[in-house]
């Protein structure tokens, strides 16, 4: 409700940035504290394990997001295809960065197994 109300009011008063402001505001006011509470109450995820698991991707992602923002302003795309390629490239670069810095070796092995199972040909019936 916070997202909808602030997005509608923001769109009516400041225009196109209103929904972005509404989504950001709802994240700060609701999601940032309520989702960890839900994880703790429903799945018994301890707080001391939850916050480091959140902090590692944020520590990597925040500077990367700022770098991508700078790159987007410094090099505007010249069409839809270059824009799509830049979006896909930035996502793949972050995935590689996360693979190296965030995932532990056991997590990497688990994801490699999942990818192998996904790309394995389906057995004939």
C-alpha atoms as a PDB file:
ATOM      1  CA  UNK A   1       0.000   0.000   0.000  1.00  0.00           C
ATOM      2  CA  UNK A   2       2.869   2.369   0.780  1.00  0.00           C
ATOM      3  CA  UNK A   3       4.270   1.790  -2.701  1.00  0.00           C
ATOM      4  CA  UNK A   4       0.948   2.351  -4.470  1.00  0.00           C
ATOM      5  CA  UNK A   5      -0.046   5.436  -2.479  1.00  0.00           C
ATOM      6  CA  UNK A   6       3.340   7.149  -2.705  1.00  0.00           C
ATOM      7  CA  UNK A   7       3.702   6.249  -6.389  1.00  0.00           C
ATOM      8  CA  UNK A   8       0.288   7.695  -7.302  1.00  0.00           C
ATOM      9  CA  UNK A   9       0.815  10.844  -5.251  1.00  0.00           C
ATOM     10  CA  UNK A  10       4.342  11.209  -6.594  1.00  0.00           C
ATOM     11  CA  UNK A  11       3.208  10.748 -10.203  1.00  0.00           C
ATOM     12  CA  UNK A  12       0.474  13.351  -9.729  1.00  0.00           C
ATOM     13  CA  UNK A  13       2.780  15.912  -8.109  1.00  0.00           C
ATOM     14  CA  UNK A  14       6.240  15.462  -9.638  1.00  0.00           C
ATOM     15  CA  UNK A  15       5.490  13.404 -12.753  1.00  0.00           C
ATOM     16  CA  UNK A  16       7.436  10.456 -14.098  1.00  0.00           C
ATOM     17  CA  UNK A  17       9.957  10.141 -11.221  1.00  0.00           C
ATOM     18  CA  UNK A  18       7.021   9.713  -8.773  1.00  0.00           C
ATOM     19  CA  UNK A  19       6.717   5.905  -9.089  1.00  0.00           C
ATOM     20  CA  UNK A  20      10.468   5.479  -8.691  1.00  0.00           C
ATOM     21  CA  UNK A  21      10.355   7.615  -5.561  1.00  0.00           C
ATOM     22  CA  UNK A  22       7.335   5.655  -4.292  1.00  0.00           C
ATOM     23  CA  UNK A  23       9.060   2.311  -4.817  1.00  0.00           C
ATOM     24  CA  UNK A  24      12.246   3.550  -3.153  1.00  0.00           C
ATOM     25  CA  UNK A  25      10.329   4.989  -0.223  1.00  0.00           C
ATOM     26  CA  UNK A  26       8.357   1.777   0.291  1.00  0.00           C
ATOM     27  CA  UNK A  27      11.580  -0.232   0.228  1.00  0.00           C
ATOM     28  CA  UNK A  28      13.133   1.949   2.922  1.00  0.00           C
ATOM     29  CA  UNK A  29      10.005   2.234   5.086  1.00  0.00           C
ATOM     30  CA  UNK A  30       8.687  -1.335   4.795  1.00  0.00           C
ATOM     31  CA  UNK A  31      10.792  -3.968   3.006  1.00  0.00           C
ATOM     32  CA  UNK A  32      14.147  -3.205   4.606  1.00  0.00           C
ATOM     33  CA  UNK A  33      12.937  -4.133   8.093  1.00  0.00           C
ATOM     34  CA  UNK A  34       9.887  -6.329   7.448  1.00  0.00           C
ATOM     35  CA  UNK A  35      11.430  -8.959   5.152  1.00  0.00           C
ATOM     36  CA  UNK A  36      14.204  -9.844   7.627  1.00  0.00           C
ATOM     37  CA  UNK A  37      11.507 -10.101  10.305  1.00  0.00           C
ATOM     38  CA  UNK A  38       9.518 -12.508   8.115  1.00  0.00           C
ATOM     39  CA  UNK A  39      12.589 -14.613   7.353  1.00  0.00           C
ATOM     40  CA  UNK A  40      13.319 -14.847  11.041  1.00  0.00           C
ATOM     41  CA  UNK A  41       9.774 -15.704  12.085  1.00  0.00           C
ATOM     42  CA  UNK A  42       8.827 -18.131   9.281  1.00  0.00           C
ATOM     43  CA  UNK A  43      12.131 -19.855   8.537  1.00  0.00           C
ATOM     44  CA  UNK A  44      14.001 -19.262  11.821  1.00  0.00           C
ATOM     45  CA  UNK A  45      16.907 -17.586  10.030  1.00  0.00           C
ATOM     46  CA  UNK A  46      19.133 -16.184  12.794  1.00  0.00           C
ATOM     47  CA  UNK A  47      19.835 -12.464  12.654  1.00  0.00           C
ATOM     48  CA  UNK A  48      23.594 -12.982  12.980  1.00  0.00           C
ATOM     49  CA  UNK A  49      23.593 -15.023   9.743  1.00  0.00           C
ATOM     50  CA  UNK A  50      21.038 -12.921   7.885  1.00  0.00           C
ATOM     51  CA  UNK A  51      22.748  -9.538   7.952  1.00  0.00           C
ATOM     52  CA  UNK A  52      26.195 -10.731   6.753  1.00  0.00           C
ATOM     53  CA  UNK A  53      24.460 -12.605   3.934  1.00  0.00           C
ATOM     54  CA  UNK A  54      22.794  -9.353   2.922  1.00  0.00           C
ATOM     55  CA  UNK A  55      25.860  -7.183   3.492  1.00  0.00           C
ATOM     56  CA  UNK A  56      28.244  -9.061   1.168  1.00  0.00           C
ATOM     57  CA  UNK A  57      26.202  -8.539  -2.027  1.00  0.00           C
ATOM     58  CA  UNK A  58      25.454  -4.925  -1.051  1.00  0.00           C
ATOM     59  CA  UNK A  59      29.145  -4.177  -0.465  1.00  0.00           C
ATOM     60  CA  UNK A  60      29.915  -5.511  -3.950  1.00  0.00           C
ATOM     61  CA  UNK A  61      26.746  -4.271  -5.677  1.00  0.00           C
ATOM     62  CA  UNK A  62      26.635  -0.670  -4.477  1.00  0.00           C
ATOM     63  CA  UNK A  63      29.979   0.401  -5.981  1.00  0.00           C
ATOM     64  CA  UNK A  64      29.201  -1.633  -9.106  1.00  0.00           C
ATOM     65  CA  UNK A  65      25.802   0.065  -9.422  1.00  0.00           C
ATOM     66  CA  UNK A  66      27.442   3.488  -9.084  1.00  0.00           C
ATOM     67  CA  UNK A  67      29.971   2.533 -11.757  1.00  0.00           C
ATOM     68  CA  UNK A  68      27.203   1.351 -14.103  1.00  0.00           C
ATOM     69  CA  UNK A  69      25.276   4.588 -13.426  1.00  0.00           C
ATOM     70  CA  UNK A  70      28.328   6.631 -14.312  1.00  0.00           C
ATOM     71  CA  UNK A  71      28.888   4.581 -17.465  1.00  0.00           C
ATOM     72  CA  UNK A  72      25.234   4.995 -18.512  1.00  0.00           C
ATOM     73  CA  UNK A  73      25.488   8.783 -18.186  1.00  0.00           C
ATOM     74  CA  UNK A  74      28.893   9.004 -19.875  1.00  0.00           C
ATOM     75  CA  UNK A  75      28.009   6.717 -22.803  1.00  0.00           C
ATOM     76  CA  UNK A  76      24.315   6.966 -23.757  1.00  0.00           C
ATOM     77  CA  UNK A  77      23.153   4.102 -26.005  1.00  0.00           C
ATOM     78  CA  UNK A  78      22.696   4.805 -29.696  1.00  0.00           C
ATOM     79  CA  UNK A  79      19.636   2.586 -30.111  1.00  0.00           C
ATOM     80  CA  UNK A  80      17.638  -0.281 -28.699  1.00  0.00           C
ATOM     81  CA  UNK A  81      20.063  -3.040 -29.675  1.00  0.00           C
ATOM     82  CA  UNK A  82      23.112  -1.356 -28.089  1.00  0.00           C
ATOM     83  CA  UNK A  83      21.000  -0.627 -25.000  1.00  0.00           C
ATOM     84  CA  UNK A  84      20.000  -4.288 -24.735  1.00  0.00           C
ATOM     85  CA  UNK A  85      23.599  -5.411 -25.178  1.00  0.00           C
ATOM     86  CA  UNK A  86      24.777  -3.006 -22.482  1.00  0.00           C
ATOM     87  CA  UNK A  87      22.098  -4.215 -20.058  1.00  0.00           C
ATOM     88  CA  UNK A  88      22.930  -7.877 -20.660  1.00  0.00           C
ATOM     89  CA  UNK A  89      26.665  -7.159 -20.442  1.00  0.00           C
ATOM     90  CA  UNK A  90      26.337  -5.318 -17.139  1.00  0.00           C
ATOM     91  CA  UNK A  91      24.267  -8.175 -15.673  1.00  0.00           C
ATOM     92  CA  UNK A  92      26.793 -10.795 -16.842  1.00  0.00           C
ATOM     93  CA  UNK A  93      29.712  -8.769 -15.466  1.00  0.00           C
ATOM     94  CA  UNK A  94      27.977  -8.528 -12.080  1.00  0.00           C
ATOM     95  CA  UNK A  95      27.244 -12.251 -12.145  1.00  0.00           C
ATOM     96  CA  UNK A  96      30.925 -12.951 -12.791  1.00  0.00           C
ATOM     97  CA  UNK A  97      31.925 -10.522 -10.052  1.00  0.00           C
ATOM     98  CA  UNK A  98      29.489 -12.162  -7.617  1.00  0.00           C
ATOM     99  CA  UNK A  99      30.681 -15.623  -8.667  1.00  0.00           C
ATOM    100  CA  UNK A 100      34.246 -14.684  -7.752  1.00  0.00           C
ATOM    101  CA  UNK A 101      33.685 -12.561  -4.649  1.00  0.00           C
ATOM    102  CA  UNK A 102      30.393 -13.563  -3.020  1.00  0.00           C
ATOM    103  CA  UNK A 103      29.850 -17.273  -3.666  1.00  0.00           C
ATOM    104  CA  UNK A 104      31.832 -19.707  -1.571  1.00  0.00           C
ATOM    105  CA  UNK A 105      33.389 -22.741  -3.241  1.00  0.00           C
ATOM    106  CA  UNK A 106      30.586 -25.042  -2.042  1.00  0.00           C
ATOM    107  CA  UNK A 107      27.972 -22.684  -3.489  1.00  0.00           C
ATOM    108  CA  UNK A 108      29.854 -22.514  -6.783  1.00  0.00           C
ATOM    109  CA  UNK A 109      29.977 -26.320  -6.947  1.00  0.00           C
ATOM    110  CA  UNK A 110      26.251 -26.533  -6.230  1.00  0.00           C
ATOM    111  CA  UNK A 111      25.426 -24.051  -9.000  1.00  0.00           C
ATOM    112  CA  UNK A 112      27.703 -25.873 -11.442  1.00  0.00           C
ATOM    113  CA  UNK A 113      25.834 -29.092 -10.669  1.00  0.00           C
ATOM    114  CA  UNK A 114      22.511 -27.336 -11.236  1.00  0.00           C
ATOM    115  CA  UNK A 115      23.715 -25.970 -14.575  1.00  0.00           C
ATOM    116  CA  UNK A 116      24.966 -29.392 -15.655  1.00  0.00           C
ATOM    117  CA  UNK A 117      21.615 -30.945 -14.752  1.00  0.00           C
ATOM    118  CA  UNK A 118      19.792 -28.179 -16.597  1.00  0.00           C
ATOM    119  CA  UNK A 119      21.817 -28.542 -19.810  1.00  0.00           C
ATOM    120  CA  UNK A 120      21.830 -32.354 -19.736  1.00  0.00           C
ATOM    121  CA  UNK A 121      19.649 -33.819 -22.488  1.00  0.00           C
ATOM    122  CA  UNK A 122      16.296 -35.110 -21.301  1.00  0.00           C
ATOM    123  CA  UNK A 123      15.949 -38.894 -21.365  1.00  0.00           C
ATOM    124  CA  UNK A 124      13.725 -40.349 -24.094  1.00  0.00           C
ATOM    125  CA  UNK A 125      10.413 -41.733 -22.913  1.00  0.00           C
END
